[in-house]
Amino acid sequence: MNKIKLNVRQLDGVTLVEQAPEFQLVNGWTQATLPAAAGVLPAGLWGKVPGGDPYLLHVSVLTTGPLGVGDLFELQSGSPSQPRRQYRPTPGNTELVLVRPTDRLRFVVGAQLEVAVELLVESIGGVNELGSRLFAWAQATQASEAHKVTSGVVVAPLQIPAWTGLFHLIHNSANVDLVTLPPRGLVPLDATLTLTRRGTGTPVLNAALGDTLSGGLPSFPVTRTVIVMNNGDEWAFVGI
């Protein structure tokens, strides 16, 4: 297993770091400091990962202060580059992602006194097939997460984050609030959203740029409850 630690103050999610930083072995970690402007890393990590084959990646981010609501890790495929997996890389992160040599690793982390990005890399063809066992564990973890149920209350315009499993939202406001779905490609096909109107205002369910609701609609006013699913082509929904 390769253990890589990258130190930085901020990650902008935009600037590609093409030139390899200077690495040193520190307490068992292959460690380097990224330039001040950084946010997107090549999946090959400048030759510090197994070459030629996909690998399993565990990402966690350690910061001196709490992570912000917009801080994220995104695995991009290309070309052209597009998000394949996105989540918030907390210190207690348990996610594993399968990374291809042509992918890119995108990070958004607001300015902090210190930011340490820890990357644990395991080749799928590792010794004693450790990588294969880790991949099976990751799939089981993802399967269990797919059936979880979360809920929330909407009182203002909202950009819904990508979710798994069942996600119930209740709109309790006197205003006509725009409730925007995440990019459809970030939501699994077996994930389901319900949006229920409780207040006097009418929420308007809105598709992200480039996505549509059933029938090519860009948005839909919710007068009672709407059930939304990703059918692989557009957002399928039914109002009740």
C-alpha atoms as a PDB file:
ATOM      1  CA  MET A   1       0.000   0.000   0.000  1.00  0.00           C
ATOM      2  CA  ASN A   2       1.301   3.451  -0.940  1.00  0.00           C
ATOM      3  CA  LYS A   3       0.830   6.156   1.711  1.00  0.00           C
ATOM      4  CA  ILE A   4       0.957   9.675   0.260  1.00  0.00           C
ATOM      5  CA  LYS A   5       0.489  12.887   2.246  1.00  0.00           C
ATOM      6  CA  LEU A   6       0.128  16.276   0.545  1.00  0.00           C
ATOM      7  CA  ASN A   7       0.391  19.477   2.584  1.00  0.00           C
ATOM      8  CA  VAL A   8      -1.178  22.737   1.444  1.00  0.00           C
ATOM      9  CA  ARG A   9      -3.057  25.781   2.780  1.00  0.00           C
ATOM     10  CA  GLN A  10      -5.965  25.769   0.320  1.00  0.00           C
ATOM     11  CA  LEU A  11      -7.281  23.719  -2.611  1.00  0.00           C
ATOM     12  CA  ASP A  12      -9.165  25.698  -5.250  1.00  0.00           C
ATOM     13  CA  GLY A  13     -10.658  22.817  -7.268  1.00  0.00           C
ATOM     14  CA  VAL A  14      -9.425  24.425 -10.505  1.00  0.00           C
ATOM     15  CA  THR A  15      -5.627  24.589 -10.802  1.00  0.00           C
ATOM     16  CA  LEU A  16      -4.036  21.443 -12.260  1.00  0.00           C
ATOM     17  CA  VAL A  17      -0.703  20.504 -10.613  1.00  0.00           C
ATOM     18  CA  GLU A  18       1.199  18.963 -13.515  1.00  0.00           C
ATOM     19  CA  GLN A  19       4.740  19.327 -12.165  1.00  0.00           C
ATOM     20  CA  ALA A  20       5.648  16.854  -9.421  1.00  0.00           C
ATOM     21  CA  PRO A  21       6.335  18.391  -5.995  1.00  0.00           C
ATOM     22  CA  GLU A  22       9.429  17.350  -4.053  1.00  0.00           C
ATOM     23  CA  PHE A  23       8.682  14.207  -2.005  1.00  0.00           C
ATOM     24  CA  GLN A  24      10.332  12.996   1.205  1.00  0.00           C
ATOM     25  CA  LEU A  25       9.713   9.970   3.422  1.00  0.00           C
ATOM     26  CA  VAL A  26       8.313  11.276   6.747  1.00  0.00           C
ATOM     27  CA  ASN A  27       7.023   8.883   9.443  1.00  0.00           C
ATOM     28  CA  GLY A  28       6.159   6.233   6.865  1.00  0.00           C
ATOM     29  CA  TRP A  29       4.409   8.677   4.502  1.00  0.00           C
ATOM     30  CA  THR A  30       5.617   9.776   1.084  1.00  0.00           C
ATOM     31  CA  GLN A  31       5.100  13.463   1.780  1.00  0.00           C
ATOM     32  CA  ALA A  32       5.227  16.683  -0.250  1.00  0.00           C
ATOM     33  CA  THR A  33       3.980  20.271  -0.138  1.00  0.00           C
ATOM     34  CA  LEU A  34       1.761  21.404  -3.014  1.00  0.00           C
ATOM     35  CA  PRO A  35       2.139  24.871  -4.584  1.00  0.00           C
ATOM     36  CA  ALA A  36      -0.071  27.704  -3.326  1.00  0.00           C
ATOM     37  CA  ALA A  37      -2.343  27.376  -6.373  1.00  0.00           C
ATOM     38  CA  ALA A  38      -3.564  23.765  -6.487  1.00  0.00           C
ATOM     39  CA  GLY A  39      -6.825  21.889  -6.768  1.00  0.00           C
ATOM     40  CA  VAL A  40      -6.645  19.156  -9.436  1.00  0.00           C
ATOM     41  CA  LEU A  41      -4.104  16.313  -9.372  1.00  0.00           C
ATOM     42  CA  PRO A  42      -3.290  13.757 -12.087  1.00  0.00           C
ATOM     43  CA  ALA A  43      -4.400  10.250 -11.117  1.00  0.00           C
ATOM     44  CA  GLY A  44      -0.864   8.990 -11.683  1.00  0.00           C
ATOM     45  CA  LEU A  45       0.268  11.225  -8.809  1.00  0.00           C
ATOM     46  CA  TRP A  46       3.581  11.875 -10.558  1.00  0.00           C
ATOM     47  CA  GLY A  47       4.619   8.210 -10.600  1.00  0.00           C
ATOM     48  CA  LYS A  48       3.917   7.567  -6.905  1.00  0.00           C
ATOM     49  CA  VAL A  49       1.156   5.009  -7.628  1.00  0.00           C
ATOM     50  CA  PRO A  50       1.142   1.656  -9.497  1.00  0.00           C
ATOM     51  CA  GLY A  51       1.551   2.452 -13.180  1.00  0.00           C
ATOM     52  CA  GLY A  52      -0.755   1.293 -15.952  1.00  0.00           C
ATOM     53  CA  ASP A  53      -3.518  -0.325 -13.876  1.00  0.00           C
ATOM     54  CA  PRO A  54      -6.509   1.077 -11.973  1.00  0.00           C
ATOM     55  CA  TYR A  55      -6.011   1.346  -8.221  1.00  0.00           C
ATOM     56  CA  LEU A  56      -8.138   1.694  -5.097  1.00  0.00           C
ATOM     57  CA  LEU A  57      -7.946   5.040  -3.345  1.00  0.00           C
ATOM     58  CA  HIS A  58      -8.940   6.101   0.169  1.00  0.00           C
ATOM     59  CA  VAL A  59      -8.934   9.881   0.706  1.00  0.00           C
ATOM     60  CA  SER A  60      -9.121  11.805   3.971  1.00  0.00           C
ATOM     61  CA  VAL A  61      -8.476  15.483   4.694  1.00  0.00           C
ATOM     62  CA  LEU A  62      -7.083  16.760   7.988  1.00  0.00           C
ATOM     63  CA  THR A  63      -7.447  20.474   8.750  1.00  0.00           C
ATOM     64  CA  THR A  64      -6.788  22.811  11.677  1.00  0.00           C
ATOM     65  CA  GLY A  65     -10.415  24.012  11.547  1.00  0.00           C
ATOM     66  CA  PRO A  66     -13.691  22.367  10.517  1.00  0.00           C
ATOM     67  CA  LEU A  67     -14.305  21.604   6.859  1.00  0.00           C
ATOM     68  CA  GLY A  68     -16.711  23.961   5.096  1.00  0.00           C
ATOM     69  CA  VAL A  69     -20.021  22.924   3.550  1.00  0.00           C
ATOM     70  CA  GLY A  70     -18.554  23.305   0.056  1.00  0.00           C
ATOM     71  CA  ASP A  71     -15.359  21.325   0.674  1.00  0.00           C
ATOM     72  CA  LEU A  72     -15.246  18.158  -1.426  1.00  0.00           C
ATOM     73  CA  PHE A  73     -13.264  15.472  -3.238  1.00  0.00           C
ATOM     74  CA  GLU A  74     -14.249  14.652  -6.798  1.00  0.00           C
ATOM     75  CA  LEU A  75     -12.992  11.859  -9.030  1.00  0.00           C
ATOM     76  CA  GLN A  76     -13.058  13.030 -12.641  1.00  0.00           C
ATOM     77  CA  SER A  77     -13.002  10.919 -15.788  1.00  0.00           C
ATOM     78  CA  GLY A  78     -12.279  12.269 -19.224  1.00  0.00           C
ATOM     79  CA  SER A  79     -11.752  13.505 -21.743  1.00  0.00           C
ATOM     80  CA  PRO A  80     -13.654  15.821 -21.571  1.00  0.00           C
ATOM     81  CA  SER A  81     -13.403  15.839 -17.770  1.00  0.00           C
ATOM     82  CA  GLN A  82     -16.620  15.032 -15.943  1.00  0.00           C
ATOM     83  CA  PRO A  83     -17.364  14.000 -12.337  1.00  0.00           C
ATOM     84  CA  ARG A  84     -17.578  10.259 -11.682  1.00  0.00           C
ATOM     85  CA  ARG A  85     -17.713  10.280  -7.866  1.00  0.00           C
ATOM     86  CA  GLN A  86     -17.950  13.115  -5.345  1.00  0.00           C
ATOM     87  CA  TYR A  87     -18.057  13.234  -1.564  1.00  0.00           C
ATOM     88  CA  ARG A  88     -16.834  15.154   1.456  1.00  0.00           C
ATOM     89  CA  PRO A  89     -13.428  13.723   2.506  1.00  0.00           C
ATOM     90  CA  THR A  90     -13.687  14.025   6.309  1.00  0.00           C
ATOM     91  CA  PRO A  91     -10.962  12.724   8.679  1.00  0.00           C
ATOM     92  CA  GLY A  92     -13.228   9.735   9.480  1.00  0.00           C
ATOM     93  CA  ASN A  93     -13.876   8.950   5.816  1.00  0.00           C
ATOM     94  CA  THR A  94     -14.567   5.279   4.958  1.00  0.00           C
ATOM     95  CA  GLU A  95     -15.054   5.648   1.177  1.00  0.00           C
ATOM     96  CA  LEU A  96     -12.981   3.808  -1.419  1.00  0.00           C
ATOM     97  CA  VAL A  97     -12.943   4.744  -5.089  1.00  0.00           C
ATOM     98  CA  LEU A  98     -11.575   2.925  -8.119  1.00  0.00           C
ATOM     99  CA  VAL A  99      -9.191   5.238  -9.971  1.00  0.00           C
ATOM    100  CA  ARG A 100      -8.050   4.832 -13.575  1.00  0.00           C
ATOM    101  CA  PRO A 101      -4.670   6.123 -14.785  1.00  0.00           C
ATOM    102  CA  THR A 102      -6.434   8.673 -17.022  1.00  0.00           C
ATOM    103  CA  ASP A 103      -8.561  10.109 -14.187  1.00  0.00           C
ATOM    104  CA  ARG A 104      -8.032  13.320 -12.246  1.00  0.00           C
ATOM    105  CA  LEU A 105      -8.438  13.992  -8.511  1.00  0.00           C
ATOM    106  CA  ARG A 106     -10.182  17.289  -7.770  1.00  0.00           C
ATOM    107  CA  PHE A 107     -10.179  18.897  -4.314  1.00  0.00           C
ATOM    108  CA  VAL A 108     -11.985  21.943  -2.953  1.00  0.00           C
ATOM    109  CA  VAL A 109     -10.907  22.939   0.573  1.00  0.00           C
ATOM    110  CA  GLY A 110     -11.224  26.492   1.888  1.00  0.00           C
ATOM    111  CA  ALA A 111      -8.222  28.345   3.286  1.00  0.00           C
ATOM    112  CA  GLN A 112      -6.892  26.851   6.542  1.00  0.00           C
ATOM    113  CA  LEU A 113      -3.708  27.248   8.591  1.00  0.00           C
ATOM    114  CA  GLU A 114      -2.818  23.675   7.617  1.00  0.00           C
ATOM    115  CA  VAL A 115      -4.417  21.146   5.283  1.00  0.00           C
ATOM    116  CA  ALA A 116      -3.119  17.582   4.943  1.00  0.00           C
ATOM    117  CA  VAL A 117      -4.552  15.349   2.213  1.00  0.00           C
ATOM    118  CA  GLU A 118      -3.893  11.683   3.043  1.00  0.00           C
ATOM    119  CA  LEU A 119      -4.066   9.215   0.156  1.00  0.00           C
ATOM    120  CA  LEU A 120      -3.926   5.444   0.728  1.00  0.00           C
ATOM    121  CA  VAL A 121      -3.317   3.691  -2.587  1.00  0.00           C
ATOM    122  CA  GLU A 122      -3.693  -0.058  -3.141  1.00  0.00           C
ATOM    123  CA  SER A 123      -3.103  -1.846  -6.403  1.00  0.00           C
ATOM    124  CA  ILE A 124      -5.946  -4.192  -7.377  1.00  0.00           C
ATOM    125  CA  GLY A 125      -3.331  -6.831  -8.164  1.00  0.00           C
ATOM    126  CA  GLY A 126      -1.568  -6.325  -4.842  1.00  0.00           C
ATOM    127  CA  VAL A 127       0.241  -8.955  -2.754  1.00  0.00           C
ATOM    128  CA  ASN A 128      -2.134 -11.765  -1.677  1.00  0.00           C
ATOM    129  CA  GLU A 129      -4.892  -9.967  -3.603  1.00  0.00           C
ATOM    130  CA  LEU A 130      -5.286  -7.420  -0.811  1.00  0.00           C
ATOM    131  CA  GLY A 131      -6.593  -4.931  -3.326  1.00  0.00           C
ATOM    132  CA  SER A 132      -9.348  -7.319  -4.407  1.00  0.00           C
ATOM    133  CA  ARG A 133     -10.443  -7.830  -0.808  1.00  0.00           C
ATOM    134  CA  LEU A 134     -10.498  -4.085  -0.190  1.00  0.00           C
ATOM    135  CA  PHE A 135     -12.600  -3.584  -3.311  1.00  0.00           C
ATOM    136  CA  ALA A 136     -15.104  -6.206  -2.096  1.00  0.00           C
ATOM    137  CA  TRP A 137     -15.255  -4.420   1.265  1.00  0.00           C
ATOM    138  CA  ALA A 138     -15.864  -1.094  -0.486  1.00  0.00           C
ATOM    139  CA  GLN A 139     -18.684  -2.577  -2.564  1.00  0.00           C
ATOM    140  CA  ALA A 140     -20.326  -4.031   0.571  1.00  0.00           C
ATOM    141  CA  THR A 141     -20.030  -0.673   2.329  1.00  0.00           C
ATOM    142  CA  GLN A 142     -21.562   1.126  -0.624  1.00  0.00           C
ATOM    143  CA  ALA A 143     -24.392  -1.422  -0.828  1.00  0.00           C
ATOM    144  CA  SER A 144     -25.228  -0.907   2.839  1.00  0.00           C
ATOM    145  CA  GLU A 145     -25.145   2.887   2.393  1.00  0.00           C
ATOM    146  CA  ALA A 146     -27.518   2.623  -0.568  1.00  0.00           C
ATOM    147  CA  HIS A 147     -30.358   1.572   1.739  1.00  0.00           C
ATOM    148  CA  LYS A 148     -29.914   4.288   4.339  1.00  0.00           C
ATOM    149  CA  VAL A 149     -32.681   6.840   4.921  1.00  0.00           C
ATOM    150  CA  THR A 150     -31.999  10.520   5.550  1.00  0.00           C
ATOM    151  CA  SER A 151     -34.381  13.461   5.915  1.00  0.00           C
ATOM    152  CA  GLY A 152     -34.322  17.227   6.157  1.00  0.00           C
ATOM    153  CA  VAL A 153     -36.433  20.388   6.204  1.00  0.00           C
ATOM    154  CA  VAL A 154     -36.255  23.073   3.495  1.00  0.00           C
ATOM    155  CA  VAL A 155     -36.962  26.676   4.588  1.00  0.00           C
ATOM    156  CA  ALA A 156     -35.134  28.558   1.800  1.00  0.00           C
ATOM    157  CA  PRO A 157     -33.845  27.983  -1.747  1.00  0.00           C
ATOM    158  CA  LEU A 158     -31.672  24.857  -1.732  1.00  0.00           C
ATOM    159  CA  GLN A 159     -29.084  23.101  -3.878  1.00  0.00           C
ATOM    160  CA  ILE A 160     -29.629  19.435  -2.995  1.00  0.00           C
ATOM    161  CA  PRO A 161     -26.348  17.530  -2.514  1.00  0.00           C
ATOM    162  CA  ALA A 162     -25.795  14.167  -4.194  1.00  0.00           C
ATOM    163  CA  TRP A 163     -27.368  11.386  -2.097  1.00  0.00           C
ATOM    164  CA  THR A 164     -27.684   7.599  -1.822  1.00  0.00           C
ATOM    165  CA  GLY A 165     -30.577   5.500  -0.540  1.00  0.00           C
ATOM    166  CA  LEU A 166     -33.777   7.301   0.441  1.00  0.00           C
ATOM    167  CA  PHE A 167     -33.789  11.066   0.968  1.00  0.00           C
ATOM    168  CA  HIS A 168     -36.914  12.787   2.324  1.00  0.00           C
ATOM    169  CA  LEU A 169     -37.224  16.588   2.190  1.00  0.00           C
ATOM    170  CA  ILE A 170     -40.076  18.631   3.674  1.00  0.00           C
ATOM    171  CA  HIS A 171     -40.601  22.190   2.417  1.00  0.00           C
ATOM    172  CA  ASN A 172     -41.913  24.301   5.301  1.00  0.00           C
ATOM    173  CA  SER A 173     -41.882  27.905   4.128  1.00  0.00           C
ATOM    174  CA  ALA A 174     -44.240  30.648   3.053  1.00  0.00           C
ATOM    175  CA  ASN A 175     -42.059  31.383   0.022  1.00  0.00           C
ATOM    176  CA  VAL A 176     -41.807  29.978  -3.480  1.00  0.00           C
ATOM    177  CA  ASP A 177     -38.358  28.416  -3.119  1.00  0.00           C
ATOM    178  CA  LEU A 178     -36.262  26.881  -5.899  1.00  0.00           C
ATOM    179  CA  VAL A 179     -35.052  23.398  -4.868  1.00  0.00           C
ATOM    180  CA  THR A 180     -32.354  22.339  -7.349  1.00  0.00           C
ATOM    181  CA  LEU A 181     -31.328  18.722  -7.923  1.00  0.00           C
ATOM    182  CA  PRO A 182     -27.619  17.791  -8.094  1.00  0.00           C
ATOM    183  CA  PRO A 183     -26.096  16.805 -11.462  1.00  0.00           C
ATOM    184  CA  ARG A 184     -27.861  13.548 -12.335  1.00  0.00           C
ATOM    185  CA  GLY A 185     -24.592  11.691 -12.965  1.00  0.00           C
ATOM    186  CA  LEU A 186     -23.698  11.979  -9.262  1.00  0.00           C
ATOM    187  CA  VAL A 187     -26.810  10.143  -8.021  1.00  0.00           C
ATOM    188  CA  PRO A 188     -27.053   6.288  -8.144  1.00  0.00           C
ATOM    189  CA  LEU A 189     -29.880   4.721 -10.138  1.00  0.00           C
ATOM    190  CA  ASP A 190     -31.364   3.136  -6.984  1.00  0.00           C
ATOM    191  CA  ALA A 191     -31.509   6.403  -4.992  1.00  0.00           C
ATOM    192  CA  THR A 192     -34.926   7.988  -4.358  1.00  0.00           C
ATOM    193  CA  LEU A 193     -35.928  11.504  -3.301  1.00  0.00           C
ATOM    194  CA  THR A 194     -39.272  12.653  -1.922  1.00  0.00           C
ATOM    195  CA  LEU A 195     -40.100  16.355  -1.641  1.00  0.00           C
ATOM    196  CA  THR A 196     -43.234  17.257   0.329  1.00  0.00           C
ATOM    197  CA  ARG A 197     -44.903  20.647   0.629  1.00  0.00           C
ATOM    198  CA  ARG A 198     -45.933  21.473   4.198  1.00  0.00           C
ATOM    199  CA  GLY A 199     -45.885  25.296   4.345  1.00  0.00           C
ATOM    200  CA  THR A 200     -48.029  27.791   2.459  1.00  0.00           C
ATOM    201  CA  GLY A 201     -45.317  28.401  -0.139  1.00  0.00           C
ATOM    202  CA  THR A 202     -44.906  26.175  -3.191  1.00  0.00           C
ATOM    203  CA  PRO A 203     -41.418  24.694  -3.734  1.00  0.00           C
ATOM    204  CA  VAL A 204     -40.259  24.422  -7.346  1.00  0.00           C
ATOM    205  CA  LEU A 205     -38.164  21.340  -8.128  1.00  0.00           C
ATOM    206  CA  ASN A 206     -35.465  22.350 -10.596  1.00  0.00           C
ATOM    207  CA  ALA A 207     -33.057  20.214 -12.656  1.00  0.00           C
ATOM    208  CA  ALA A 208     -29.364  21.167 -12.775  1.00  0.00           C
ATOM    209  CA  LEU A 209     -27.942  22.699 -15.947  1.00  0.00           C
ATOM    210  CA  GLY A 210     -27.929  20.086 -18.696  1.00  0.00           C
ATOM    211  CA  ASP A 211     -30.463  17.805 -16.948  1.00  0.00           C
ATOM    212  CA  THR A 212     -34.225  17.545 -17.378  1.00  0.00           C
ATOM    213  CA  LEU A 213     -37.211  16.139 -15.541  1.00  0.00           C
ATOM    214  CA  SER A 214     -39.550  13.657 -17.255  1.00  0.00           C
ATOM    215  CA  GLY A 215     -40.810  14.957 -20.572  1.00  0.00           C
ATOM    216  CA  GLY A 216     -37.960  17.442 -20.907  1.00  0.00           C
ATOM    217  CA  LEU A 217     -39.253  19.777 -18.175  1.00  0.00           C
ATOM    218  CA  PRO A 218     -36.641  22.053 -16.570  1.00  0.00           C
ATOM    219  CA  SER A 219     -38.667  22.462 -13.360  1.00  0.00           C
ATOM    220  CA  PHE A 220     -41.867  21.375 -11.627  1.00  0.00           C
ATOM    221  CA  PRO A 221     -43.966  23.089  -8.877  1.00  0.00           C
ATOM    222  CA  VAL A 222     -44.670  20.698  -5.993  1.00  0.00           C
ATOM    223  CA  THR A 223     -48.156  21.183  -4.577  1.00  0.00           C
ATOM    224  CA  ARG A 224     -48.204  18.037  -2.429  1.00  0.00           C
ATOM    225  CA  THR A 225     -45.448  15.392  -2.742  1.00  0.00           C
ATOM    226  CA  VAL A 226     -43.160  14.430  -5.609  1.00  0.00           C
ATOM    227  CA  ILE A 227     -41.044  11.244  -5.845  1.00  0.00           C
ATOM    228  CA  VAL A 228     -37.870  11.589  -7.931  1.00  0.00           C
ATOM    229  CA  MET A 229     -35.457   8.945  -9.301  1.00  0.00           C
ATOM    230  CA  ASN A 230     -32.552   8.894 -11.766  1.00  0.00           C
ATOM    231  CA  ASN A 231     -33.568   6.613 -14.645  1.00  0.00           C
ATOM    232  CA  GLY A 232     -30.204   6.897 -16.411  1.00  0.00           C
ATOM    233  CA  ASP A 233     -31.490   9.355 -19.032  1.00  0.00           C
ATOM    234  CA  GLU A 234     -33.323  12.055 -17.070  1.00  0.00           C
ATOM    235  CA  TRP A 235     -35.026  12.610 -13.728  1.00  0.00           C
ATOM    236  CA  ALA A 236     -38.155  10.435 -13.562  1.00  0.00           C
ATOM    237  CA  PHE A 237     -40.780  11.808 -11.192  1.00  0.00           C
ATOM    238  CA  VAL A 238     -44.362  11.291 -10.112  1.00  0.00           C
ATOM    239  CA  GLY A 239     -46.475  13.726  -8.111  1.00  0.00           C
ATOM    240  CA  ILE A 240     -49.031  12.572  -5.564  1.00  0.00           C
END
